[in-house]
Amino acid sequence: MKRGEGGYPTVDFDIGGCTFCGACAQACKYGALDQAIDPPWQLTAGIEKGCLSAQGITCRSCGDACEVRAIRFRLELGGRAIPSLDSSLCNGCGSCIATCPTHVIQIQEAA
């Protein structure tokens, strides 16, 4: 988390992912963040075109960063391993974003 526009807290997944530890809620002296809300948001990752693995370049950084294993790699003909996101497992932590060298992973509202 970092201070956003107007001083409001915002999550910057380019810095790193959320571990859901609750430290931000405890540190907020205004009580703006409610640690009792579980999950804290309805977000999920989305992998856009431009993924290195989809282009045949070996990269699995997003899958390695995903603790809940929502991102797995599906082998295809020709030796490619294409990322596959299980949105039912993804908790929107954003850990995959900072590790993606092509910045093709975005966090979006869960469907």
PDB file of N, CA and C in Angstrom:
ATOM      1  N   MET A   1       0.850  -1.177   0.000  1.00  0.00           N
ATOM      2  CA  MET A   1       0.000   0.000   0.000  1.00  0.00           C
ATOM      3  C   MET A   1       0.889   1.232   0.000  1.00  0.00           C
ATOM      4  N   LYS A   2       0.329   2.262  -0.592  1.00  0.00           N
ATOM      5  CA  LYS A   2       1.017   3.549  -0.578  1.00  0.00           C
ATOM      6  C   LYS A   2      -0.028   4.647  -0.551  1.00  0.00           C
ATOM      7  N   ARG A   3       0.430   5.848  -0.279  1.00  0.00           N
ATOM      8  CA  ARG A   3      -0.478   7.006  -0.243  1.00  0.00           C
ATOM      9  C   ARG A   3      -0.813   7.382  -1.680  1.00  0.00           C
ATOM     10  N   GLY A   4      -2.096   7.398  -1.977  1.00  0.00           N
ATOM     11  CA  GLY A   4      -2.565   7.750  -3.308  1.00  0.00           C
ATOM     12  C   GLY A   4      -3.016   9.192  -3.366  1.00  0.00           C
ATOM     13  N   GLU A   5      -3.770   9.517  -4.421  1.00  0.00           N
ATOM     14  CA  GLU A   5      -4.279  10.867  -4.592  1.00  0.00           C
ATOM     15  C   GLU A   5      -5.154  11.265  -3.408  1.00  0.00           C
ATOM     16  N   GLY A   6      -4.993  12.489  -2.958  1.00  0.00           N
ATOM     17  CA  GLY A   6      -5.782  12.993  -1.846  1.00  0.00           C
ATOM     18  C   GLY A   6      -5.398  12.373  -0.512  1.00  0.00           C
ATOM     19  N   GLY A   7      -4.297  11.613  -0.486  1.00  0.00           N
ATOM     20  CA  GLY A   7      -3.852  10.988   0.754  1.00  0.00           C
ATOM     21  C   GLY A   7      -4.527   9.667   1.061  1.00  0.00           C
ATOM     22  N   TYR A   8      -5.384   9.202   0.144  1.00  0.00           N
ATOM     23  CA  TYR A   8      -6.090   7.944   0.370  1.00  0.00           C
ATOM     24  C   TYR A   8      -5.184   6.749   0.075  1.00  0.00           C
ATOM     25  N   PRO A   9      -5.343   5.665   0.815  1.00  0.00           N
ATOM     26  CA  PRO A   9      -4.497   4.485   0.571  1.00  0.00           C
ATOM     27  C   PRO A   9      -4.849   3.819  -0.758  1.00  0.00           C
ATOM     28  N   THR A  10      -3.827   3.333  -1.422  1.00  0.00           N
ATOM     29  CA  THR A  10      -4.026   2.613  -2.661  1.00  0.00           C
ATOM     30  C   THR A  10      -3.049   1.438  -2.713  1.00  0.00           C
ATOM     31  N   VAL A  11      -3.420   0.416  -3.421  1.00  0.00           N
ATOM     32  CA  VAL A  11      -2.555  -0.751  -3.580  1.00  0.00           C
ATOM     33  C   VAL A  11      -1.787  -0.583  -4.886  1.00  0.00           C
ATOM     34  N   ASP A  12      -0.469  -0.733  -4.810  1.00  0.00           N
ATOM     35  CA  ASP A  12       0.376  -0.643  -5.994  1.00  0.00           C
ATOM     36  C   ASP A  12       1.014  -2.007  -6.208  1.00  0.00           C
ATOM     37  N   PHE A  13       0.429  -2.811  -7.099  1.00  0.00           N
ATOM     38  CA  PHE A  13       0.919  -4.155  -7.339  1.00  0.00           C
ATOM     39  C   PHE A  13       2.248  -4.166  -8.094  1.00  0.00           C
ATOM     40  N   ASP A  14       2.654  -3.029  -8.657  1.00  0.00           N
ATOM     41  CA  ASP A  14       3.964  -2.959  -9.306  1.00  0.00           C
ATOM     42  C   ASP A  14       5.084  -3.048  -8.270  1.00  0.00           C
ATOM     43  N   ILE A  15       4.791  -2.678  -7.045  1.00  0.00           N
ATOM     44  CA  ILE A  15       5.767  -2.752  -5.956  1.00  0.00           C
ATOM     45  C   ILE A  15       5.835  -4.186  -5.421  1.00  0.00           C
ATOM     46  N   GLY A  16       4.699  -4.839  -5.309  1.00  0.00           N
ATOM     47  CA  GLY A  16       4.637  -6.199  -4.798  1.00  0.00           C
ATOM     48  C   GLY A  16       3.198  -6.587  -4.512  1.00  0.00           C
ATOM     49  N   GLY A  17       3.002  -7.828  -4.127  1.00  0.00           N
ATOM     50  CA  GLY A  17       1.668  -8.335  -3.872  1.00  0.00           C
ATOM     51  C   GLY A  17       1.240  -8.156  -2.428  1.00  0.00           C
ATOM     52  N   CYS A  18      -0.019  -8.400  -2.187  1.00  0.00           N
ATOM     53  CA  CYS A  18      -0.597  -8.323  -0.850  1.00  0.00           C
ATOM     54  C   CYS A  18      -0.582  -9.710  -0.218  1.00  0.00           C
ATOM     55  N   THR A  19      -0.115  -9.799   1.012  1.00  0.00           N
ATOM     56  CA  THR A  19      -0.102 -11.084   1.723  1.00  0.00           C
ATOM     57  C   THR A  19      -1.325 -11.241   2.617  1.00  0.00           C
ATOM     58  N   PHE A  20      -2.169 -10.232   2.656  1.00  0.00           N
ATOM     59  CA  PHE A  20      -3.382 -10.233   3.485  1.00  0.00           C
ATOM     60  C   PHE A  20      -3.045 -10.385   4.971  1.00  0.00           C
ATOM     61  N   CYS A  21      -1.901  -9.809   5.376  1.00  0.00           N
ATOM     62  CA  CYS A  21      -1.456  -9.905   6.766  1.00  0.00           C
ATOM     63  C   CYS A  21      -2.243  -8.990   7.702  1.00  0.00           C
ATOM     64  N   GLY A  22      -2.849  -7.938   7.165  1.00  0.00           N
ATOM     65  CA  GLY A  22      -3.630  -7.016   7.973  1.00  0.00           C
ATOM     66  C   GLY A  22      -2.834  -5.862   8.557  1.00  0.00           C
ATOM     67  N   ALA A  23      -1.546  -5.786   8.263  1.00  0.00           N
ATOM     68  CA  ALA A  23      -0.710  -4.716   8.821  1.00  0.00           C
ATOM     69  C   ALA A  23      -1.196  -3.333   8.394  1.00  0.00           C
ATOM     70  N   CYS A  24      -1.688  -3.215   7.168  1.00  0.00           N
ATOM     71  CA  CYS A  24      -2.173  -1.916   6.694  1.00  0.00           C
ATOM     72  C   CYS A  24      -3.402  -1.474   7.491  1.00  0.00           C
ATOM     73  N   ALA A  25      -4.298  -2.404   7.785  1.00  0.00           N
ATOM     74  CA  ALA A  25      -5.496  -2.077   8.559  1.00  0.00           C
ATOM     75  C   ALA A  25      -5.121  -1.675   9.986  1.00  0.00           C
ATOM     76  N   GLN A  26      -4.145  -2.352  10.550  1.00  0.00           N
ATOM     77  CA  GLN A  26      -3.691  -2.025  11.904  1.00  0.00           C
ATOM     78  C   GLN A  26      -2.984  -0.678  11.939  1.00  0.00           C
ATOM     79  N   ALA A  27      -2.249  -0.346  10.867  1.00  0.00           N
ATOM     80  CA  ALA A  27      -1.489   0.903  10.821  1.00  0.00           C
ATOM     81  C   ALA A  27      -2.360   2.116  10.522  1.00  0.00           C
ATOM     82  N   CYS A  28      -3.533   1.905   9.950  1.00  0.00           N
ATOM     83  CA  CYS A  28      -4.388   3.021   9.560  1.00  0.00           C
ATOM     84  C   CYS A  28      -5.028   3.655  10.795  1.00  0.00           C
ATOM     85  N   LYS A  29      -4.572   4.857  11.124  1.00  0.00           N
ATOM     86  CA  LYS A  29      -5.067   5.521  12.332  1.00  0.00           C
ATOM     87  C   LYS A  29      -6.488   6.050  12.179  1.00  0.00           C
ATOM     88  N   TYR A  30      -7.025   6.027  10.946  1.00  0.00           N
ATOM     89  CA  TYR A  30      -8.374   6.541  10.705  1.00  0.00           C
ATOM     90  C   TYR A  30      -9.427   5.439  10.653  1.00  0.00           C
ATOM     91  N   GLY A  31      -8.981   4.189  10.657  1.00  0.00           N
ATOM     92  CA  GLY A  31      -9.935   3.088  10.600  1.00  0.00           C
ATOM     93  C   GLY A  31     -10.579   2.911   9.231  1.00  0.00           C
ATOM     94  N   ALA A  32      -9.915   3.396   8.189  1.00  0.00           N
ATOM     95  CA  ALA A  32     -10.472   3.339   6.834  1.00  0.00           C
ATOM     96  C   ALA A  32     -10.431   1.935   6.253  1.00  0.00           C
ATOM     97  N   LEU A  33      -9.584   1.088   6.787  1.00  0.00           N
ATOM     98  CA  LEU A  33      -9.442  -0.269   6.272  1.00  0.00           C
ATOM     99  C   LEU A  33      -9.982  -1.245   7.307  1.00  0.00           C
ATOM    100  N   ASP A  34     -10.881  -2.102   6.890  1.00  0.00           N
ATOM    101  CA  ASP A  34     -11.532  -3.041   7.796  1.00  0.00           C
ATOM    102  C   ASP A  34     -10.946  -4.435   7.615  1.00  0.00           C
ATOM    103  N   GLN A  35     -10.199  -4.892   8.597  1.00  0.00           N
ATOM    104  CA  GLN A  35      -9.552  -6.199   8.534  1.00  0.00           C
ATOM    105  C   GLN A  35     -10.564  -7.343   8.619  1.00  0.00           C
ATOM    106  N   ALA A  36     -11.767  -7.051   9.077  1.00  0.00           N
ATOM    107  CA  ALA A  36     -12.783  -8.097   9.227  1.00  0.00           C
ATOM    108  C   ALA A  36     -13.394  -8.519   7.892  1.00  0.00           C
ATOM    109  N   ILE A  37     -13.218  -7.708   6.866  1.00  0.00           N
ATOM    110  CA  ILE A  37     -13.767  -8.046   5.551  1.00  0.00           C
ATOM    111  C   ILE A  37     -12.902  -9.145   4.935  1.00  0.00           C
ATOM    112  N   ASP A  38     -13.505 -10.281   4.661  1.00  0.00           N
ATOM    113  CA  ASP A  38     -12.761 -11.415   4.118  1.00  0.00           C
ATOM    114  C   ASP A  38     -13.537 -12.038   2.974  1.00  0.00           C
ATOM    115  N   PRO A  39     -13.048 -12.015   1.767  1.00  0.00           N
ATOM    116  CA  PRO A  39     -11.796 -11.414   1.326  1.00  0.00           C
ATOM    117  C   PRO A  39     -11.925  -9.899   1.252  1.00  0.00           C
ATOM    118  N   PRO A  40     -10.792  -9.187   1.297  1.00  0.00           N
ATOM    119  CA  PRO A  40     -10.852  -7.720   1.339  1.00  0.00           C
ATOM    120  C   PRO A  40     -11.317  -7.096   0.031  1.00  0.00           C
ATOM    121  N   TRP A  41     -11.287  -7.858  -1.058  1.00  0.00           N
ATOM    122  CA  TRP A  41     -11.728  -7.344  -2.350  1.00  0.00           C
ATOM    123  C   TRP A  41     -12.133  -8.498  -3.250  1.00  0.00           C
ATOM    124  N   GLN A  42     -12.842  -8.171  -4.305  1.00  0.00           N
ATOM    125  CA  GLN A  42     -13.277  -9.149  -5.296  1.00  0.00           C
ATOM    126  C   GLN A  42     -12.481  -8.910  -6.577  1.00  0.00           C
ATOM    127  N   LEU A  43     -11.195  -9.211  -6.528  1.00  0.00           N
ATOM    128  CA  LEU A  43     -10.305  -8.981  -7.655  1.00  0.00           C
ATOM    129  C   LEU A  43      -9.699 -10.298  -8.120  1.00  0.00           C
ATOM    130  N   THR A  44      -9.303 -10.331  -9.366  1.00  0.00           N
ATOM    131  CA  THR A  44      -8.618 -11.493  -9.921  1.00  0.00           C
ATOM    132  C   THR A  44      -7.623 -11.000 -10.972  1.00  0.00           C
ATOM    133  N   ALA A  45      -6.648 -11.816 -11.267  1.00  0.00           N
ATOM    134  CA  ALA A  45      -5.654 -11.459 -12.276  1.00  0.00           C
ATOM    135  C   ALA A  45      -6.182 -11.787 -13.665  1.00  0.00           C
ATOM    136  N   GLY A  46      -5.626 -11.138 -14.640  1.00  0.00           N
ATOM    137  CA  GLY A  46      -5.914 -11.418 -16.042  1.00  0.00           C
ATOM    138  C   GLY A  46      -4.614 -11.345 -16.818  1.00  0.00           C
ATOM    139  N   ILE A  47      -4.362 -12.315 -17.664  1.00  0.00           N
ATOM    140  CA  ILE A  47      -3.127 -12.340 -18.445  1.00  0.00           C
ATOM    141  C   ILE A  47      -3.461 -11.939 -19.877  1.00  0.00           C
ATOM    142  N   GLU A  48      -2.866 -10.861 -20.324  1.00  0.00           N
ATOM    143  CA  GLU A  48      -3.145 -10.326 -21.651  1.00  0.00           C
ATOM    144  C   GLU A  48      -2.156 -10.868 -22.683  1.00  0.00           C
ATOM    145  N   LYS A  49      -2.395 -10.540 -23.943  1.00  0.00           N
ATOM    146  CA  LYS A  49      -1.481 -10.931 -25.012  1.00  0.00           C
ATOM    147  C   LYS A  49      -0.111 -10.303 -24.758  1.00  0.00           C
ATOM    148  N   GLY A  50       0.912 -10.959 -25.244  1.00  0.00           N
ATOM    149  CA  GLY A  50       2.272 -10.463 -25.050  1.00  0.00           C
ATOM    150  C   GLY A  50       3.054 -11.271 -24.036  1.00  0.00           C
ATOM    151  N   CYS A  51       2.410 -12.260 -23.440  1.00  0.00           N
ATOM    152  CA  CYS A  51       3.074 -13.136 -22.474  1.00  0.00           C
ATOM    153  C   CYS A  51       4.248 -13.840 -23.170  1.00  0.00           C
ATOM    154  N   LEU A  52       5.402 -13.829 -22.531  1.00  0.00           N
ATOM    155  CA  LEU A  52       6.584 -14.458 -23.124  1.00  0.00           C
ATOM    156  C   LEU A  52       6.367 -15.948 -23.391  1.00  0.00           C
ATOM    157  N   SER A  53       5.751 -16.656 -22.455  1.00  0.00           N
ATOM    158  CA  SER A  53       5.512 -18.092 -22.638  1.00  0.00           C
ATOM    159  C   SER A  53       4.631 -18.362 -23.843  1.00  0.00           C
ATOM    160  N   ALA A  54       3.649 -17.520 -24.063  1.00  0.00           N
ATOM    161  CA  ALA A  54       2.763 -17.684 -25.217  1.00  0.00           C
ATOM    162  C   ALA A  54       3.507 -17.448 -26.527  1.00  0.00           C
ATOM    163  N   GLN A  55       4.647 -16.758 -26.457  1.00  0.00           N
ATOM    164  CA  GLN A  55       5.461 -16.494 -27.634  1.00  0.00           C
ATOM    165  C   GLN A  55       6.586 -17.516 -27.799  1.00  0.00           C
ATOM    166  N   GLY A  56       6.593 -18.537 -26.936  1.00  0.00           N
ATOM    167  CA  GLY A  56       7.596 -19.585 -27.040  1.00  0.00           C
ATOM    168  C   GLY A  56       8.869 -19.321 -26.257  1.00  0.00           C
ATOM    169  N   ILE A  57       8.870 -18.282 -25.449  1.00  0.00           N
ATOM    170  CA  ILE A  57      10.033 -17.954 -24.625  1.00  0.00           C
ATOM    171  C   ILE A  57       9.761 -18.480 -23.213  1.00  0.00           C
ATOM    172  N   THR A  58      10.696 -19.247 -22.687  1.00  0.00           N
ATOM    173  CA  THR A  58      10.483 -19.846 -21.374  1.00  0.00           C
ATOM    174  C   THR A  58      10.439 -18.786 -20.284  1.00  0.00           C
ATOM    175  N   CYS A  59       9.301 -18.671 -19.645  1.00  0.00           N
ATOM    176  CA  CYS A  59       9.105 -17.761 -18.509  1.00  0.00           C
ATOM    177  C   CYS A  59       7.947 -18.321 -17.692  1.00  0.00           C
ATOM    178  N   ARG A  60       8.170 -18.489 -16.428  1.00  0.00           N
ATOM    179  CA  ARG A  60       7.099 -18.939 -15.535  1.00  0.00           C
ATOM    180  C   ARG A  60       7.098 -18.124 -14.243  1.00  0.00           C
ATOM    181  N   SER A  61       7.549 -16.893 -14.345  1.00  0.00           N
ATOM    182  CA  SER A  61       7.678 -16.068 -13.147  1.00  0.00           C
ATOM    183  C   SER A  61       6.341 -15.843 -12.440  1.00  0.00           C
ATOM    184  N   CYS A  62       5.273 -15.671 -13.191  1.00  0.00           N
ATOM    185  CA  CYS A  62       3.965 -15.439 -12.566  1.00  0.00           C
ATOM    186  C   CYS A  62       3.497 -16.684 -11.800  1.00  0.00           C
ATOM    187  N   GLY A  63       3.687 -17.848 -12.388  1.00  0.00           N
ATOM    188  CA  GLY A  63       3.297 -19.091 -11.726  1.00  0.00           C
ATOM    189  C   GLY A  63       4.119 -19.352 -10.483  1.00  0.00           C
ATOM    190  N   ASP A  64       5.415 -19.014 -10.541  1.00  0.00           N
ATOM    191  CA  ASP A  64       6.282 -19.189  -9.376  1.00  0.00           C
ATOM    192  C   ASP A  64       5.877 -18.265  -8.232  1.00  0.00           C
ATOM    193  N   ALA A  65       5.384 -17.075  -8.564  1.00  0.00           N
ATOM    194  CA  ALA A  65       4.997 -16.100  -7.543  1.00  0.00           C
ATOM    195  C   ALA A  65       3.630 -16.374  -6.940  1.00  0.00           C
ATOM    196  N   CYS A  66       2.832 -17.213  -7.577  1.00  0.00           N
ATOM    197  CA  CYS A  66       1.453 -17.454  -7.147  1.00  0.00           C
ATOM    198  C   CYS A  66       1.392 -18.534  -6.063  1.00  0.00           C
ATOM    199  N   GLU A  67       1.222 -18.097  -4.817  1.00  0.00           N
ATOM    200  CA  GLU A  67       1.178 -19.033  -3.685  1.00  0.00           C
ATOM    201  C   GLU A  67      -0.013 -19.980  -3.744  1.00  0.00           C
ATOM    202  N   VAL A  68      -1.143 -19.510  -4.231  1.00  0.00           N
ATOM    203  CA  VAL A  68      -2.345 -20.350  -4.246  1.00  0.00           C
ATOM    204  C   VAL A  68      -2.425 -21.216  -5.499  1.00  0.00           C
ATOM    205  N   ARG A  69      -1.419 -21.100  -6.369  1.00  0.00           N
ATOM    206  CA  ARG A  69      -1.319 -21.896  -7.602  1.00  0.00           C
ATOM    207  C   ARG A  69      -2.501 -21.684  -8.539  1.00  0.00           C
ATOM    208  N   ALA A  70      -2.946 -20.420  -8.611  1.00  0.00           N
ATOM    209  CA  ALA A  70      -4.022 -20.083  -9.543  1.00  0.00           C
ATOM    210  C   ALA A  70      -3.498 -20.008 -10.972  1.00  0.00           C
ATOM    211  N   ILE A  71      -2.191 -19.792 -11.122  1.00  0.00           N
ATOM    212  CA  ILE A  71      -1.578 -19.753 -12.454  1.00  0.00           C
ATOM    213  C   ILE A  71      -0.761 -21.021 -12.646  1.00  0.00           C
ATOM    214  N   ARG A  72      -1.165 -21.785 -13.621  1.00  0.00           N
ATOM    215  CA  ARG A  72      -0.453 -23.014 -13.974  1.00  0.00           C
ATOM    216  C   ARG A  72      -0.127 -22.942 -15.456  1.00  0.00           C
ATOM    217  N   PHE A  73       0.764 -23.801 -15.885  1.00  0.00           N
ATOM    218  CA  PHE A  73       1.180 -23.784 -17.283  1.00  0.00           C
ATOM    219  C   PHE A  73       0.758 -25.064 -17.979  1.00  0.00           C
ATOM    220  N   ARG A  74       0.073 -24.879 -19.092  1.00  0.00           N
ATOM    221  CA  ARG A  74      -0.471 -25.977 -19.896  1.00  0.00           C
ATOM    222  C   ARG A  74       0.460 -26.194 -21.087  1.00  0.00           C
ATOM    223  N   LEU A  75       0.990 -27.406 -21.208  1.00  0.00           N
ATOM    224  CA  LEU A  75       1.879 -27.709 -22.326  1.00  0.00           C
ATOM    225  C   LEU A  75       1.090 -27.834 -23.618  1.00  0.00           C
ATOM    226  N   GLU A  76       1.647 -27.284 -24.694  1.00  0.00           N
ATOM    227  CA  GLU A  76       1.033 -27.363 -26.009  1.00  0.00           C
ATOM    228  C   GLU A  76       2.034 -27.951 -26.991  1.00  0.00           C
ATOM    229  N   LEU A  77       1.546 -28.314 -28.149  1.00  0.00           N
ATOM    230  CA  LEU A  77       2.424 -28.830 -29.189  1.00  0.00           C
ATOM    231  C   LEU A  77       3.502 -27.811 -29.512  1.00  0.00           C
ATOM    232  N   GLY A  78       4.693 -28.283 -29.800  1.00  0.00           N
ATOM    233  CA  GLY A  78       5.789 -27.378 -30.121  1.00  0.00           C
ATOM    234  C   GLY A  78       6.598 -26.978 -28.906  1.00  0.00           C
ATOM    235  N   GLY A  79       6.255 -27.497 -27.742  1.00  0.00           N
ATOM    236  CA  GLY A  79       7.030 -27.226 -26.535  1.00  0.00           C
ATOM    237  C   GLY A  79       6.656 -25.969 -25.780  1.00  0.00           C
ATOM    238  N   ARG A  80       5.607 -25.304 -26.190  1.00  0.00           N
ATOM    239  CA  ARG A  80       5.183 -24.103 -25.475  1.00  0.00           C
ATOM    240  C   ARG A  80       4.419 -24.489 -24.215  1.00  0.00           C
ATOM    241  N   ALA A  81       4.580 -23.685 -23.199  1.00  0.00           N
ATOM    242  CA  ALA A  81       3.814 -23.834 -21.964  1.00  0.00           C
ATOM    243  C   ALA A  81       3.026 -22.538 -21.773  1.00  0.00           C
ATOM    244  N   ILE A  82       1.738 -22.617 -21.975  1.00  0.00           N
ATOM    245  CA  ILE A  82       0.862 -21.447 -21.946  1.00  0.00           C
ATOM    246  C   ILE A  82       0.279 -21.272 -20.535  1.00  0.00           C
ATOM    247  N   PRO A  83       0.331 -20.044 -19.981  1.00  0.00           N
ATOM    248  CA  PRO A  83      -0.248 -19.834 -18.655  1.00  0.00           C
ATOM    249  C   PRO A  83      -1.768 -19.960 -18.689  1.00  0.00           C
ATOM    250  N   SER A  84      -2.276 -20.594 -17.672  1.00  0.00           N
ATOM    251  CA  SER A  84      -3.720 -20.757 -17.523  1.00  0.00           C
ATOM    252  C   SER A  84      -4.091 -20.291 -16.125  1.00  0.00           C
ATOM    253  N   LEU A  85      -5.026 -19.349 -16.053  1.00  0.00           N
ATOM    254  CA  LEU A  85      -5.425 -18.776 -14.775  1.00  0.00           C
ATOM    255  C   LEU A  85      -6.740 -19.383 -14.321  1.00  0.00           C
ATOM    256  N   ASP A  86      -6.752 -19.945 -13.129  1.00  0.00           N
ATOM    257  CA  ASP A  86      -7.978 -20.461 -12.514  1.00  0.00           C
ATOM    258  C   ASP A  86      -8.532 -19.349 -11.630  1.00  0.00           C
ATOM    259  N   SER A  87      -9.508 -18.606 -12.141  1.00  0.00           N
ATOM    260  CA  SER A  87     -10.042 -17.453 -11.407  1.00  0.00           C
ATOM    261  C   SER A  87     -10.755 -17.852 -10.124  1.00  0.00           C
ATOM    262  N   SER A  88     -11.134 -19.121  -9.995  1.00  0.00           N
ATOM    263  CA  SER A  88     -11.764 -19.554  -8.743  1.00  0.00           C
ATOM    264  C   SER A  88     -10.726 -19.691  -7.621  1.00  0.00           C
ATOM    265  N   LEU A  89      -9.458 -19.826  -7.980  1.00  0.00           N
ATOM    266  CA  LEU A  89      -8.381 -19.901  -6.985  1.00  0.00           C
ATOM    267  C   LEU A  89      -7.708 -18.548  -6.747  1.00  0.00           C
ATOM    268  N   CYS A  90      -7.741 -17.677  -7.748  1.00  0.00           N
ATOM    269  CA  CYS A  90      -7.041 -16.391  -7.660  1.00  0.00           C
ATOM    270  C   CYS A  90      -7.698 -15.501  -6.607  1.00  0.00           C
ATOM    271  N   ASN A  91      -6.874 -15.000  -5.672  1.00  0.00           N
ATOM    272  CA  ASN A  91      -7.395 -14.119  -4.626  1.00  0.00           C
ATOM    273  C   ASN A  91      -7.091 -12.648  -4.894  1.00  0.00           C
ATOM    274  N   GLY A  92      -6.511 -12.348  -6.056  1.00  0.00           N
ATOM    275  CA  GLY A  92      -6.234 -10.966  -6.420  1.00  0.00           C
ATOM    276  C   GLY A  92      -5.102 -10.343  -5.638  1.00  0.00           C
ATOM    277  N   CYS A  93      -4.176 -11.157  -5.118  1.00  0.00           N
ATOM    278  CA  CYS A  93      -3.087 -10.630  -4.289  1.00  0.00           C
ATOM    279  C   CYS A  93      -2.110  -9.783  -5.089  1.00  0.00           C
ATOM    280  N   GLY A  94      -2.003 -10.019  -6.404  1.00  0.00           N
ATOM    281  CA  GLY A  94      -1.134  -9.217  -7.259  1.00  0.00           C
ATOM    282  C   GLY A  94       0.328  -9.600  -7.241  1.00  0.00           C
ATOM    283  N   SER A  95       0.692 -10.684  -6.588  1.00  0.00           N
ATOM    284  CA  SER A  95       2.099 -11.095  -6.531  1.00  0.00           C
ATOM    285  C   SER A  95       2.669 -11.390  -7.910  1.00  0.00           C
ATOM    286  N   CYS A  96       1.830 -11.776  -8.835  1.00  0.00           N
ATOM    287  CA  CYS A  96       2.271 -12.102 -10.189  1.00  0.00           C
ATOM    288  C   CYS A  96       2.626 -10.865 -11.000  1.00  0.00           C
ATOM    289  N   ILE A  97       2.116  -9.723 -10.637  1.00  0.00           N
ATOM    290  CA  ILE A  97       2.296  -8.515 -11.436  1.00  0.00           C
ATOM    291  C   ILE A  97       3.731  -7.997 -11.405  1.00  0.00           C
ATOM    292  N   ALA A  98       4.299  -7.853 -10.235  1.00  0.00           N
ATOM    293  CA  ALA A  98       5.643  -7.289 -10.116  1.00  0.00           C
ATOM    294  C   ALA A  98       6.700  -8.194 -10.738  1.00  0.00           C
ATOM    295  N   THR A  99       6.422  -9.491 -10.833  1.00  0.00           N
ATOM    296  CA  THR A  99       7.413 -10.420 -11.375  1.00  0.00           C
ATOM    297  C   THR A  99       7.334 -10.569 -12.883  1.00  0.00           C
ATOM    298  N   CYS A 100       6.276 -10.111 -13.513  1.00  0.00           N
ATOM    299  CA  CYS A 100       6.090 -10.281 -14.960  1.00  0.00           C
ATOM    300  C   CYS A 100       6.996  -9.322 -15.730  1.00  0.00           C
ATOM    301  N   PRO A 101       7.946  -9.858 -16.513  1.00  0.00           N
ATOM    302  CA  PRO A 101       8.869  -8.978 -17.228  1.00  0.00           C
ATOM    303  C   PRO A 101       8.226  -8.173 -18.361  1.00  0.00           C
ATOM    304  N   THR A 102       7.082  -8.613 -18.873  1.00  0.00           N
ATOM    305  CA  THR A 102       6.425  -7.880 -19.955  1.00  0.00           C
ATOM    306  C   THR A 102       5.216  -7.075 -19.485  1.00  0.00           C
ATOM    307  N   HIS A 103       4.903  -7.137 -18.211  1.00  0.00           N
ATOM    308  CA  HIS A 103       3.808  -6.357 -17.610  1.00  0.00           C
ATOM    309  C   HIS A 103       2.468  -6.595 -18.311  1.00  0.00           C
ATOM    310  N   VAL A 104       2.173  -7.859 -18.604  1.00  0.00           N
ATOM    311  CA  VAL A 104       0.919  -8.179 -19.285  1.00  0.00           C
ATOM    312  C   VAL A 104      -0.152  -8.725 -18.332  1.00  0.00           C
ATOM    313  N   ILE A 105       0.137  -8.727 -17.046  1.00  0.00           N
ATOM    314  CA  ILE A 105      -0.844  -9.203 -16.067  1.00  0.00           C
ATOM    315  C   ILE A 105      -1.492  -7.980 -15.408  1.00  0.00           C
ATOM    316  N   GLN A 106      -2.791  -8.000 -15.370  1.00  0.00           N
ATOM    317  CA  GLN A 106      -3.552  -6.909 -14.781  1.00  0.00           C
ATOM    318  C   GLN A 106      -4.500  -7.461 -13.721  1.00  0.00           C
ATOM    319  N   ILE A 107      -4.787  -6.660 -12.731  1.00  0.00           N
ATOM    320  CA  ILE A 107      -5.795  -7.025 -11.742  1.00  0.00           C
ATOM    321  C   ILE A 107      -7.100  -6.368 -12.156  1.00  0.00           C
ATOM    322  N   GLN A 108      -8.170  -7.159 -12.091  1.00  0.00           N
ATOM    323  CA  GLN A 108      -9.470  -6.676 -12.538  1.00  0.00           C
ATOM    324  C   GLN A 108     -10.555  -7.179 -11.589  1.00  0.00           C
ATOM    325  N   GLU A 109     -11.725  -6.611 -11.721  1.00  0.00           N
ATOM    326  CA  GLU A 109     -12.866  -7.066 -10.928  1.00  0.00           C
ATOM    327  C   GLU A 109     -13.172  -8.511 -11.263  1.00  0.00           C
ATOM    328  N   ALA A 110     -13.417  -9.330 -10.246  1.00  0.00           N
ATOM    329  CA  ALA A 110     -13.766 -10.737 -10.474  1.00  0.00           C
ATOM    330  C   ALA A 110     -15.123 -10.816 -11.153  1.00  0.00           C
ATOM    331  N   ALA A 111     -15.242 -11.777 -12.050  1.00  0.00           N
ATOM    332  CA  ALA A 111     -16.508 -11.943 -12.782  1.00  0.00           C
ATOM    333  C   ALA A 111     -17.537 -12.666 -11.957  1.00  0.00           C
TER     334      ALA A 111
END
